[in-house]
Amino acid sequence: MEGTIFGFTEAQITDFGMTYGVTGLMLLMIFIVGHLAWQSKVGKFGTFILFLGLTFGLVGFVAKFFIQRSLNI
């Protein structure tokens, strides 16, 4: 099978990486922000602000997933 890696096409590997790989990195980032808030002892409001500011970009990626799922793309 020419053009494949371990029986997977490039499109399949890319799809796998974009869903599971990036999701894993997003979870790691959430853990890091939570650890940062815990270490700095900022309180509830400070923790909220840290999560809001540092993880706001994750909302777009999650929204893209749900939009693609609803439109069957």
Protein backbone atom coordinates (compact mmCIF):
# COMPACT_ATOMS: atom_id res chain seq x y z
CA MET A 1 0.00 0.00 0.00
CA GLU A 2 1.84 2.98 -1.29
CA GLY A 3 1.23 6.35 0.34
CA THR A 4 0.34 4.98 3.75
CA ILE A 5 2.08 4.79 7.10
CA PHE A 6 1.25 1.66 9.11
CA GLY A 7 -1.87 1.29 6.97
CA PHE A 8 -3.18 4.80 7.65
CA THR A 9 -3.39 7.60 5.11
CA GLU A 10 -2.04 11.07 5.77
CA ALA A 11 -5.58 12.41 6.16
CA GLN A 12 -6.42 9.81 8.80
CA ILE A 13 -3.26 10.55 10.78
CA THR A 14 -3.94 14.29 10.60
CA ASP A 15 -7.53 13.79 11.75
CA PHE A 16 -6.39 11.64 14.65
CA GLY A 17 -3.78 14.21 15.71
CA MET A 18 -6.16 17.14 15.47
CA THR A 19 -8.82 15.47 17.57
CA TYR A 20 -6.96 13.44 20.18
CA GLY A 21 -3.55 15.11 20.14
CA VAL A 22 -4.79 18.68 20.46
CA THR A 23 -7.44 17.61 22.98
CA GLY A 24 -4.72 16.09 25.14
CA LEU A 25 -2.67 19.27 24.93
CA MET A 26 -5.76 21.31 25.87
CA LEU A 27 -6.31 19.17 28.96
CA LEU A 28 -2.65 19.60 29.88
CA MET A 29 -3.00 23.37 29.53
CA ILE A 30 -6.05 23.38 31.82
CA PHE A 31 -4.08 21.38 34.38
CA ILE A 32 -1.17 23.84 34.15
CA VAL A 33 -3.45 26.86 34.65
CA GLY A 34 -5.11 25.17 37.64
CA HIS A 35 -1.72 24.38 39.14
CA LEU A 36 -0.62 27.98 38.56
CA ALA A 37 -3.72 29.27 40.34
CA TRP A 38 -3.18 26.86 43.23
CA GLN A 39 0.51 27.73 43.63
CA SER A 40 -0.12 31.48 43.54
CA LYS A 41 -3.06 31.30 46.03
CA VAL A 42 -5.14 33.83 44.09
CA GLY A 43 -8.53 32.81 45.46
CA LYS A 44 -11.74 31.99 43.63
CA PHE A 45 -12.01 35.21 41.61
CA GLY A 46 -8.34 35.16 40.65
CA THR A 47 -8.64 31.53 39.56
CA PHE A 48 -11.65 32.46 37.43
CA ILE A 49 -9.71 35.31 35.80
CA LEU A 50 -6.72 33.05 35.13
CA PHE A 51 -8.90 30.40 33.49
CA LEU A 52 -10.81 33.03 31.53
CA GLY A 53 -7.71 34.74 30.22
CA LEU A 54 -5.40 31.81 29.64
CA THR A 55 -7.88 29.27 28.24
CA PHE A 56 -10.12 31.56 26.18
CA GLY A 57 -8.57 30.32 22.93
CA LEU A 58 -9.67 26.78 23.70
CA VAL A 59 -13.31 27.82 23.34
CA GLY A 60 -12.89 28.36 19.59
CA PHE A 61 -11.41 24.91 19.06
CA VAL A 62 -14.20 23.24 21.04
CA ALA A 63 -16.85 25.31 19.22
CA LYS A 64 -15.36 24.26 15.88
CA PHE A 65 -15.74 20.61 16.86
CA PHE A 66 -19.41 21.02 17.79
CA ILE A 67 -20.18 23.08 14.67
CA GLN A 68 -18.61 20.41 12.45
CA ARG A 69 -20.52 17.71 14.31
CA SER A 70 -23.87 19.51 13.95
CA LEU A 71 -23.35 20.23 10.23
CA ASN A 72 -22.04 16.68 9.53
CA ILE A 73 -18.83 17.98 7.99
